[in-house]
């Protein structure tokens, strides 16, 4: 399991809303949680100084969710409206938690295809 230093991020139950719905397989949600934790670790390690540096990190994580979406389809699930909002909201949480209060949500997940 990945361990982040930031207490707020470490205590976050990423994708909690989706875990409560059997439509979303836990094993795949676990992969989504890992993507978000890796993003947190990357921010902690690389310490981006500005949004121009943060956005590419968020985009890489978004691309991982794009790939993960195929596994959801194969399992008879998908990123429908609630899931899309929940995932995007987690990106927003991460940006806010690490001090990027002026981050644009749409830009954080710009390469999404979900």
C-alpha atoms as a PDB file:
ATOM      1  CA  UNK A   1       0.000   0.000   0.000  1.00  0.00           C
ATOM      2  CA  UNK A   2       1.151   3.493  -0.810  1.00  0.00           C
ATOM      3  CA  UNK A   3       1.715   5.828   2.107  1.00  0.00           C
ATOM      4  CA  UNK A   4       1.515   9.582   1.684  1.00  0.00           C
ATOM      5  CA  UNK A   5       2.914  12.113   4.138  1.00  0.00           C
ATOM      6  CA  UNK A   6       0.141  14.700   3.933  1.00  0.00           C
ATOM      7  CA  UNK A   7      -2.247  13.879   6.791  1.00  0.00           C
ATOM      8  CA  UNK A   8      -5.320  15.109   4.965  1.00  0.00           C
ATOM      9  CA  UNK A   9      -4.552  12.976   1.913  1.00  0.00           C
ATOM     10  CA  UNK A  10      -3.492   9.998   4.031  1.00  0.00           C
ATOM     11  CA  UNK A  11      -6.812  10.089   5.892  1.00  0.00           C
ATOM     12  CA  UNK A  12      -8.926  10.414   2.763  1.00  0.00           C
ATOM     13  CA  UNK A  13     -11.167   7.528   1.785  1.00  0.00           C
ATOM     14  CA  UNK A  14     -10.737   8.028  -1.927  1.00  0.00           C
ATOM     15  CA  UNK A  15     -13.756   7.034  -4.036  1.00  0.00           C
ATOM     16  CA  UNK A  16     -15.777   6.273  -0.884  1.00  0.00           C
ATOM     17  CA  UNK A  17     -19.109   6.921  -2.583  1.00  0.00           C
ATOM     18  CA  UNK A  18     -18.335   4.388  -5.292  1.00  0.00           C
ATOM     19  CA  UNK A  19     -17.233   1.724  -2.823  1.00  0.00           C
ATOM     20  CA  UNK A  20     -20.742   1.829  -1.356  1.00  0.00           C
ATOM     21  CA  UNK A  21     -22.277   0.811  -4.693  1.00  0.00           C
ATOM     22  CA  UNK A  22     -21.949  -2.816  -5.821  1.00  0.00           C
ATOM     23  CA  UNK A  23     -22.092  -1.643  -9.445  1.00  0.00           C
ATOM     24  CA  UNK A  24     -18.425  -0.676  -9.114  1.00  0.00           C
ATOM     25  CA  UNK A  25     -16.105  -3.648  -8.445  1.00  0.00           C
ATOM     26  CA  UNK A  26     -13.967  -3.042  -5.361  1.00  0.00           C
ATOM     27  CA  UNK A  27     -10.888  -4.563  -6.995  1.00  0.00           C
ATOM     28  CA  UNK A  28     -11.094  -1.934  -9.741  1.00  0.00           C
ATOM     29  CA  UNK A  29     -11.853   0.878  -7.318  1.00  0.00           C
ATOM     30  CA  UNK A  30      -8.714  -0.201  -5.461  1.00  0.00           C
ATOM     31  CA  UNK A  31      -6.784   0.470  -8.669  1.00  0.00           C
ATOM     32  CA  UNK A  32      -8.391   3.901  -8.904  1.00  0.00           C
ATOM     33  CA  UNK A  33      -7.462   4.668  -5.318  1.00  0.00           C
ATOM     34  CA  UNK A  34      -3.877   3.644  -6.096  1.00  0.00           C
ATOM     35  CA  UNK A  35      -3.805   6.050  -9.042  1.00  0.00           C
ATOM     36  CA  UNK A  36      -4.857   8.894  -6.761  1.00  0.00           C
ATOM     37  CA  UNK A  37      -2.350   7.917  -4.071  1.00  0.00           C
ATOM     38  CA  UNK A  38       0.426   7.768  -6.667  1.00  0.00           C
ATOM     39  CA  UNK A  39      -0.556  11.280  -7.743  1.00  0.00           C
ATOM     40  CA  UNK A  40      -0.272  12.422  -4.128  1.00  0.00           C
ATOM     41  CA  UNK A  41       3.146  10.774  -3.795  1.00  0.00           C
ATOM     42  CA  UNK A  42       4.314  12.335  -7.010  1.00  0.00           C
ATOM     43  CA  UNK A  43       3.263  15.772  -5.792  1.00  0.00           C
ATOM     44  CA  UNK A  44       5.034  15.179  -2.485  1.00  0.00           C
ATOM     45  CA  UNK A  45       8.193  13.953  -4.214  1.00  0.00           C
ATOM     46  CA  UNK A  46       8.425  16.432  -7.071  1.00  0.00           C
ATOM     47  CA  UNK A  47       6.846  19.383  -5.217  1.00  0.00           C
ATOM     48  CA  UNK A  48       5.440  21.267  -8.205  1.00  0.00           C
ATOM     49  CA  UNK A  49       5.803  25.009  -7.766  1.00  0.00           C
ATOM     50  CA  UNK A  50       2.877  26.056  -9.912  1.00  0.00           C
ATOM     51  CA  UNK A  51      -0.144  24.882 -11.872  1.00  0.00           C
ATOM     52  CA  UNK A  52       1.890  24.562 -15.057  1.00  0.00           C
ATOM     53  CA  UNK A  53       3.859  21.826 -13.310  1.00  0.00           C
ATOM     54  CA  UNK A  54       0.884  20.263 -11.496  1.00  0.00           C
ATOM     55  CA  UNK A  55      -1.389  19.870 -14.517  1.00  0.00           C
ATOM     56  CA  UNK A  56       0.847  17.391 -16.394  1.00  0.00           C
ATOM     57  CA  UNK A  57       0.966  15.251 -13.226  1.00  0.00           C
ATOM     58  CA  UNK A  58      -2.817  15.282 -12.994  1.00  0.00           C
ATOM     59  CA  UNK A  59      -3.082  14.564 -16.718  1.00  0.00           C
ATOM     60  CA  UNK A  60      -0.897  11.462 -16.366  1.00  0.00           C
ATOM     61  CA  UNK A  61      -3.170  10.198 -13.575  1.00  0.00           C
ATOM     62  CA  UNK A  62      -6.236  11.008 -15.681  1.00  0.00           C
ATOM     63  CA  UNK A  63      -4.795   8.929 -18.513  1.00  0.00           C
ATOM     64  CA  UNK A  64      -4.455   6.036 -16.061  1.00  0.00           C
ATOM     65  CA  UNK A  65      -8.178   6.368 -15.282  1.00  0.00           C
ATOM     66  CA  UNK A  66      -8.874   6.374 -19.029  1.00  0.00           C
ATOM     67  CA  UNK A  67      -7.151   2.989 -19.246  1.00  0.00           C
ATOM     68  CA  UNK A  68      -8.854   1.708 -16.103  1.00  0.00           C
ATOM     69  CA  UNK A  69     -12.225   2.536 -17.621  1.00  0.00           C
ATOM     70  CA  UNK A  70     -11.746  -0.361 -20.056  1.00  0.00           C
ATOM     71  CA  UNK A  71     -11.455  -2.758 -17.113  1.00  0.00           C
ATOM     72  CA  UNK A  72     -14.710  -1.404 -15.705  1.00  0.00           C
ATOM     73  CA  UNK A  73     -16.423  -2.012 -19.056  1.00  0.00           C
ATOM     74  CA  UNK A  74     -15.088  -5.574 -19.121  1.00  0.00           C
ATOM     75  CA  UNK A  75     -16.507  -6.114 -15.614  1.00  0.00           C
ATOM     76  CA  UNK A  76     -19.972  -4.895 -16.638  1.00  0.00           C
ATOM     77  CA  UNK A  77     -19.561  -1.462 -15.085  1.00  0.00           C
ATOM     78  CA  UNK A  78     -18.659   1.992 -16.351  1.00  0.00           C
ATOM     79  CA  UNK A  79     -17.826   5.519 -15.300  1.00  0.00           C
ATOM     80  CA  UNK A  80     -21.347   6.907 -15.435  1.00  0.00           C
ATOM     81  CA  UNK A  81     -22.272  10.398 -14.207  1.00  0.00           C
ATOM     82  CA  UNK A  82     -21.872   9.738 -10.480  1.00  0.00           C
ATOM     83  CA  UNK A  83     -18.536   7.991 -10.997  1.00  0.00           C
ATOM     84  CA  UNK A  84     -17.230  10.719 -13.300  1.00  0.00           C
ATOM     85  CA  UNK A  85     -18.147  13.393 -10.758  1.00  0.00           C
ATOM     86  CA  UNK A  86     -16.637  11.408  -7.885  1.00  0.00           C
ATOM     87  CA  UNK A  87     -13.359  10.778  -9.692  1.00  0.00           C
ATOM     88  CA  UNK A  88     -13.037  14.396 -10.836  1.00  0.00           C
ATOM     89  CA  UNK A  89     -13.863  15.532  -7.313  1.00  0.00           C
ATOM     90  CA  UNK A  90     -10.970  13.466  -5.991  1.00  0.00           C
ATOM     91  CA  UNK A  91      -8.591  15.254  -8.351  1.00  0.00           C
ATOM     92  CA  UNK A  92      -9.973  18.540  -7.035  1.00  0.00           C
ATOM     93  CA  UNK A  93      -9.443  17.345  -3.458  1.00  0.00           C
ATOM     94  CA  UNK A  94      -5.823  16.428  -4.204  1.00  0.00           C
ATOM     95  CA  UNK A  95      -5.095  19.817  -5.771  1.00  0.00           C
ATOM     96  CA  UNK A  96      -6.703  21.661  -2.865  1.00  0.00           C
ATOM     97  CA  UNK A  97      -4.943  19.504  -0.280  1.00  0.00           C
ATOM     98  CA  UNK A  98      -1.547  20.306  -1.717  1.00  0.00           C
ATOM     99  CA  UNK A  99      -2.190  24.046  -1.811  1.00  0.00           C
ATOM    100  CA  UNK A 100      -3.308  24.509  -5.407  1.00  0.00           C
ATOM    101  CA  UNK A 101      -6.486  26.321  -4.460  1.00  0.00           C
ATOM    102  CA  UNK A 102      -6.712  28.090  -7.822  1.00  0.00           C
ATOM    103  CA  UNK A 103      -6.551  24.873  -9.849  1.00  0.00           C
ATOM    104  CA  UNK A 104      -9.181  24.525 -12.553  1.00  0.00           C
ATOM    105  CA  UNK A 105     -11.078  21.243 -12.207  1.00  0.00           C
ATOM    106  CA  UNK A 106     -11.636  20.853 -15.938  1.00  0.00           C
ATOM    107  CA  UNK A 107      -7.945  21.405 -16.618  1.00  0.00           C
ATOM    108  CA  UNK A 108      -6.947  18.867 -13.944  1.00  0.00           C
ATOM    109  CA  UNK A 109      -8.795  16.123 -15.820  1.00  0.00           C
ATOM    110  CA  UNK A 110      -8.579  17.608 -19.326  1.00  0.00           C
ATOM    111  CA  UNK A 111      -7.469  14.414 -21.113  1.00  0.00           C
ATOM    112  CA  UNK A 112     -10.308  12.329 -19.672  1.00  0.00           C
ATOM    113  CA  UNK A 113     -12.463  10.279 -21.963  1.00  0.00           C
ATOM    114  CA  UNK A 114     -14.980   9.371 -19.273  1.00  0.00           C
END
